[in-house]
Amino acid sequence: MTEHDDLNKTATLADMTIIVEQIRILNYKLDQLFKIFESKYQRDKIFGDWISEKEAVELTNLSKSTFLILRKEGKLTSSSISGKANFYRLSQIKKLLEENEKNR
């Protein structure tokens, strides 16, 4: 066995170590994605069409005060648990978007 062969083995072991580490990181990321999807599935199964006000604000880029105005105008309805957090039906938000759709 030559010195060149020893270097190739060392390089190969180093490469394999890097690959194993990359696979470990990839597995971790896949596990995290699986947990996110599983959580969303469970949430959808329980809450169905309802989304929190926080989700509605993030989804539409509207403010909480705009949602308050829409509720007062009767354009959206909401529900709450113990009066602490508002929830909206996603289907109502979609309907409002469709009603306000303009030809561009």
N, C-alpha and C. Protein backbone atom coordinates (compact mmCIF):
# COMPACT_ATOMS: atom_id res chain seq x y z
N MET A 1 0.84 -1.16 0.00
CA MET A 1 0.00 0.00 0.00
C MET A 1 0.90 1.24 0.00
N THR A 2 0.56 2.19 -0.84
CA THR A 2 1.38 3.39 -0.96
C THR A 2 0.82 4.52 -0.09
N GLU A 3 1.63 5.55 0.01
CA GLU A 3 1.20 6.73 0.78
C GLU A 3 -0.02 7.37 0.10
N HIS A 4 -0.06 7.30 -1.23
CA HIS A 4 -1.19 7.85 -1.99
C HIS A 4 -2.48 7.13 -1.63
N ASP A 5 -2.42 5.81 -1.48
CA ASP A 5 -3.60 5.03 -1.09
C ASP A 5 -4.09 5.44 0.30
N ASP A 6 -3.15 5.67 1.22
CA ASP A 6 -3.52 6.11 2.57
C ASP A 6 -4.24 7.46 2.52
N LEU A 7 -3.77 8.38 1.67
CA LEU A 7 -4.41 9.69 1.54
C LEU A 7 -5.82 9.55 0.98
N ASN A 8 -5.99 8.67 -0.01
CA ASN A 8 -7.31 8.44 -0.59
C ASN A 8 -8.28 7.89 0.45
N LYS A 9 -7.80 6.96 1.29
CA LYS A 9 -8.65 6.40 2.34
C LYS A 9 -9.04 7.49 3.34
N THR A 10 -8.08 8.33 3.69
CA THR A 10 -8.35 9.42 4.64
C THR A 10 -9.37 10.39 4.05
N ALA A 11 -9.18 10.75 2.79
CA ALA A 11 -10.11 11.65 2.13
C ALA A 11 -11.49 11.01 2.05
N THR A 12 -11.54 9.74 1.75
CA THR A 12 -12.80 9.04 1.66
C THR A 12 -13.50 9.00 3.01
N LEU A 13 -12.77 8.73 4.07
CA LEU A 13 -13.36 8.72 5.42
C LEU A 13 -13.86 10.11 5.80
N ALA A 14 -13.10 11.13 5.46
CA ALA A 14 -13.52 12.50 5.75
C ALA A 14 -14.79 12.84 4.98
N ASP A 15 -14.82 12.45 3.70
CA ASP A 15 -16.01 12.68 2.88
C ASP A 15 -17.22 11.96 3.46
N MET A 16 -17.02 10.72 3.88
CA MET A 16 -18.12 9.93 4.45
C MET A 16 -18.62 10.56 5.75
N THR A 17 -17.71 11.07 6.55
CA THR A 17 -18.10 11.74 7.80
C THR A 17 -18.96 12.95 7.50
N ILE A 18 -18.57 13.72 6.50
CA ILE A 18 -19.35 14.90 6.10
C ILE A 18 -20.72 14.47 5.59
N ILE A 19 -20.76 13.45 4.77
CA ILE A 19 -22.03 12.96 4.22
C ILE A 19 -22.94 12.46 5.33
N VAL A 20 -22.40 11.71 6.28
CA VAL A 20 -23.20 11.21 7.40
C VAL A 20 -23.78 12.38 8.20
N GLU A 21 -22.99 13.39 8.43
CA GLU A 21 -23.46 14.57 9.17
C GLU A 21 -24.56 15.30 8.39
N GLN A 22 -24.39 15.42 7.07
CA GLN A 22 -25.41 16.05 6.24
C GLN A 22 -26.71 15.25 6.26
N ILE A 23 -26.61 13.94 6.24
CA ILE A 23 -27.80 13.09 6.32
C ILE A 23 -28.49 13.27 7.67
N ARG A 24 -27.71 13.36 8.74
CA ARG A 24 -28.27 13.56 10.07
C ARG A 24 -29.04 14.89 10.14
N ILE A 25 -28.45 15.94 9.58
CA ILE A 25 -29.10 17.25 9.56
C ILE A 25 -30.38 17.20 8.73
N LEU A 26 -30.31 16.55 7.58
CA LEU A 26 -31.48 16.41 6.72
C LEU A 26 -32.60 15.65 7.42
N ASN A 27 -32.26 14.57 8.11
CA ASN A 27 -33.26 13.81 8.87
C ASN A 27 -33.92 14.67 9.93
N TYR A 28 -33.12 15.48 10.62
CA TYR A 28 -33.66 16.38 11.64
C TYR A 28 -34.65 17.37 11.02
N LYS A 29 -34.28 17.95 9.89
CA LYS A 29 -35.16 18.91 9.22
C LYS A 29 -36.44 18.24 8.74
N LEU A 30 -36.34 17.04 8.22
CA LEU A 30 -37.53 16.30 7.80
C LEU A 30 -38.44 16.00 8.98
N ASP A 31 -37.86 15.64 10.11
CA ASP A 31 -38.65 15.41 11.33
C ASP A 31 -39.39 16.68 11.73
N GLN A 32 -38.71 17.82 11.65
CA GLN A 32 -39.35 19.09 12.01
C GLN A 32 -40.50 19.41 11.06
N LEU A 33 -40.30 19.20 9.76
CA LEU A 33 -41.37 19.42 8.78
C LEU A 33 -42.55 18.50 9.05
N PHE A 34 -42.27 17.25 9.35
CA PHE A 34 -43.33 16.30 9.65
C PHE A 34 -44.15 16.77 10.85
N LYS A 35 -43.48 17.26 11.88
CA LYS A 35 -44.18 17.75 13.07
C LYS A 35 -45.07 18.94 12.73
N ILE A 36 -44.59 19.83 11.87
CA ILE A 36 -45.37 21.00 11.46
C ILE A 36 -46.62 20.55 10.70
N PHE A 37 -46.45 19.65 9.73
CA PHE A 37 -47.59 19.17 8.95
C PHE A 37 -48.57 18.40 9.82
N GLU A 38 -48.06 17.59 10.72
CA GLU A 38 -48.93 16.83 11.62
C GLU A 38 -49.73 17.78 12.51
N SER A 39 -49.08 18.80 13.01
CA SER A 39 -49.74 19.79 13.86
C SER A 39 -50.83 20.53 13.08
N LYS A 40 -50.52 20.93 11.84
CA LYS A 40 -51.51 21.62 11.00
C LYS A 40 -52.68 20.70 10.70
N TYR A 41 -52.42 19.45 10.41
CA TYR A 41 -53.49 18.49 10.13
C TYR A 41 -54.41 18.35 11.35
N GLN A 42 -53.82 18.21 12.53
CA GLN A 42 -54.61 18.09 13.76
C GLN A 42 -55.42 19.36 14.00
N ARG A 43 -54.80 20.51 13.78
CA ARG A 43 -55.49 21.79 13.95
C ARG A 43 -56.67 21.89 13.01
N ASP A 44 -56.45 21.56 11.74
CA ASP A 44 -57.53 21.62 10.75
C ASP A 44 -58.64 20.64 11.09
N LYS A 45 -58.27 19.48 11.60
CA LYS A 45 -59.25 18.47 11.97
C LYS A 45 -60.13 18.97 13.12
N ILE A 46 -59.54 19.68 14.04
CA ILE A 46 -60.28 20.17 15.21
C ILE A 46 -61.05 21.45 14.90
N PHE A 47 -60.37 22.44 14.31
CA PHE A 47 -60.96 23.75 14.11
C PHE A 47 -61.62 23.94 12.75
N GLY A 48 -61.32 23.09 11.80
CA GLY A 48 -61.94 23.20 10.48
C GLY A 48 -61.68 24.55 9.84
N ASP A 49 -62.75 25.27 9.57
CA ASP A 49 -62.71 26.53 8.83
C ASP A 49 -62.29 27.73 9.70
N TRP A 50 -62.23 27.56 11.00
CA TRP A 50 -61.92 28.67 11.90
C TRP A 50 -60.42 28.94 11.96
N ILE A 51 -60.06 30.24 11.91
CA ILE A 51 -58.68 30.66 12.11
C ILE A 51 -58.66 31.76 13.16
N SER A 52 -57.55 31.88 13.85
CA SER A 52 -57.43 32.91 14.88
C SER A 52 -57.28 34.28 14.22
N GLU A 53 -57.54 35.32 15.01
CA GLU A 53 -57.37 36.67 14.50
C GLU A 53 -55.91 36.91 14.08
N LYS A 54 -54.99 36.36 14.86
CA LYS A 54 -53.56 36.49 14.52
C LYS A 54 -53.29 35.88 13.15
N GLU A 55 -53.84 34.69 12.90
CA GLU A 55 -53.65 34.05 11.59
C GLU A 55 -54.31 34.88 10.49
N ALA A 56 -55.50 35.42 10.77
CA ALA A 56 -56.21 36.23 9.78
C ALA A 56 -55.42 37.49 9.44
N VAL A 57 -54.85 38.13 10.46
CA VAL A 57 -54.03 39.32 10.25
C VAL A 57 -52.80 38.98 9.40
N GLU A 58 -52.13 37.88 9.72
CA GLU A 58 -50.94 37.46 8.96
C GLU A 58 -51.30 37.09 7.53
N LEU A 59 -52.43 36.41 7.38
CA LEU A 59 -52.84 35.93 6.06
C LEU A 59 -53.23 37.07 5.13
N THR A 60 -53.95 38.06 5.65
CA THR A 60 -54.49 39.13 4.81
C THR A 60 -53.65 40.39 4.81
N ASN A 61 -52.73 40.50 5.76
CA ASN A 61 -51.93 41.71 5.94
C ASN A 61 -52.79 42.91 6.32
N LEU A 62 -53.95 42.64 6.94
CA LEU A 62 -54.81 43.69 7.48
C LEU A 62 -54.55 43.79 8.98
N SER A 63 -54.93 44.91 9.57
CA SER A 63 -54.71 45.10 11.00
C SER A 63 -55.90 44.57 11.81
N LYS A 64 -55.68 44.43 13.11
CA LYS A 64 -56.77 44.02 14.01
C LYS A 64 -57.90 45.05 13.96
N SER A 65 -57.54 46.32 13.87
CA SER A 65 -58.58 47.36 13.83
C SER A 65 -59.41 47.26 12.56
N THR A 66 -58.81 46.85 11.45
CA THR A 66 -59.57 46.65 10.22
C THR A 66 -60.56 45.51 10.40
N PHE A 67 -60.15 44.45 11.08
CA PHE A 67 -61.07 43.35 11.35
C PHE A 67 -62.21 43.81 12.26
N LEU A 68 -61.92 44.68 13.21
CA LEU A 68 -62.96 45.23 14.08
C LEU A 68 -63.97 46.02 13.25
N ILE A 69 -63.48 46.84 12.33
CA ILE A 69 -64.36 47.62 11.45
C ILE A 69 -65.21 46.69 10.61
N LEU A 70 -64.61 45.66 10.04
CA LEU A 70 -65.36 44.71 9.21
C LEU A 70 -66.45 44.01 10.03
N ARG A 71 -66.15 43.72 11.29
CA ARG A 71 -67.16 43.11 12.17
C ARG A 71 -68.30 44.10 12.44
N LYS A 72 -67.93 45.34 12.75
CA LYS A 72 -68.95 46.36 13.06
C LYS A 72 -69.83 46.65 11.85
N GLU A 73 -69.25 46.59 10.65
CA GLU A 73 -70.00 46.81 9.42
C GLU A 73 -70.83 45.59 9.03
N GLY A 74 -70.66 44.50 9.74
CA GLY A 74 -71.41 43.28 9.45
C GLY A 74 -70.86 42.49 8.27
N LYS A 75 -69.66 42.82 7.83
CA LYS A 75 -69.06 42.12 6.70
C LYS A 75 -68.39 40.82 7.11
N LEU A 76 -68.02 40.73 8.38
CA LEU A 76 -67.43 39.51 8.93
C LEU A 76 -68.05 39.24 10.29
N THR A 77 -68.19 37.98 10.61
CA THR A 77 -68.60 37.60 11.95
C THR A 77 -67.41 36.93 12.62
N SER A 78 -67.46 36.90 13.93
CA SER A 78 -66.38 36.26 14.66
C SER A 78 -66.95 35.49 15.83
N SER A 79 -66.11 34.68 16.40
CA SER A 79 -66.45 33.95 17.61
C SER A 79 -65.26 34.07 18.54
N SER A 80 -65.50 33.86 19.82
CA SER A 80 -64.39 33.93 20.76
C SER A 80 -64.58 32.90 21.85
N ILE A 81 -63.49 32.61 22.51
CA ILE A 81 -63.51 31.71 23.65
C ILE A 81 -63.23 32.58 24.87
N SER A 82 -64.17 32.67 25.76
CA SER A 82 -64.05 33.49 26.98
C SER A 82 -63.80 34.96 26.66
N GLY A 83 -64.18 35.39 25.47
CA GLY A 83 -64.01 36.79 25.09
C GLY A 83 -62.57 37.25 24.95
N LYS A 84 -61.63 36.31 24.93
CA LYS A 84 -60.21 36.69 24.91
C LYS A 84 -59.61 36.75 23.51
N ALA A 85 -60.02 35.87 22.64
CA ALA A 85 -59.42 35.83 21.30
C ALA A 85 -60.52 35.67 20.27
N ASN A 86 -60.42 36.44 19.20
CA ASN A 86 -61.39 36.34 18.12
C ASN A 86 -60.96 35.29 17.11
N PHE A 87 -61.95 34.59 16.59
CA PHE A 87 -61.74 33.61 15.53
C PHE A 87 -62.67 33.94 14.38
N TYR A 88 -62.18 33.72 13.16
CA TYR A 88 -62.95 34.01 11.96
C TYR A 88 -63.04 32.76 11.11
N ARG A 89 -64.11 32.70 10.32
CA ARG A 89 -64.22 31.62 9.35
C ARG A 89 -63.43 32.02 8.10
N LEU A 90 -62.53 31.16 7.71
CA LEU A 90 -61.73 31.41 6.51
C LEU A 90 -62.63 31.57 5.29
N SER A 91 -63.72 30.81 5.25
CA SER A 91 -64.64 30.90 4.11
C SER A 91 -65.27 32.29 4.01
N GLN A 92 -65.52 32.96 5.15
CA GLN A 92 -66.07 34.32 5.11
C GLN A 92 -65.04 35.31 4.57
N ILE A 93 -63.80 35.12 4.96
CA ILE A 93 -62.74 36.00 4.46
C ILE A 93 -62.58 35.82 2.95
N LYS A 94 -62.62 34.56 2.49
CA LYS A 94 -62.53 34.29 1.05
C LYS A 94 -63.71 34.92 0.32
N LYS A 95 -64.91 34.79 0.89
CA LYS A 95 -66.11 35.35 0.27
C LYS A 95 -65.99 36.87 0.16
N LEU A 96 -65.49 37.52 1.20
CA LEU A 96 -65.30 38.96 1.18
C LEU A 96 -64.31 39.36 0.09
N LEU A 97 -63.25 38.58 -0.06
CA LEU A 97 -62.28 38.84 -1.13
C LEU A 97 -62.94 38.71 -2.51
N GLU A 98 -63.74 37.67 -2.67
CA GLU A 98 -64.41 37.45 -3.96
C GLU A 98 -65.40 38.56 -4.26
N GLU A 99 -66.12 39.04 -3.24
CA GLU A 99 -67.07 40.13 -3.44
C GLU A 99 -66.37 41.42 -3.83
N ASN A 100 -65.17 41.61 -3.34
CA ASN A 100 -64.41 42.84 -3.62
C ASN A 100 -63.47 42.69 -4.81
N GLU A 101 -63.52 41.54 -5.47
CA GLU A 101 -62.64 41.29 -6.61
C GLU A 101 -62.95 42.26 -7.73
N LYS A 102 -61.92 42.79 -8.31
CA LYS A 102 -62.07 43.73 -9.42
C LYS A 102 -61.35 43.18 -10.64
N ASN A 103 -61.88 43.51 -11.80
CA ASN A 103 -61.18 43.15 -13.03
C ASN A 103 -60.02 44.12 -13.20
N ARG A 104 -58.87 43.58 -13.45
CA ARG A 104 -57.69 44.44 -13.62
C ARG A 104 -57.15 44.31 -15.01
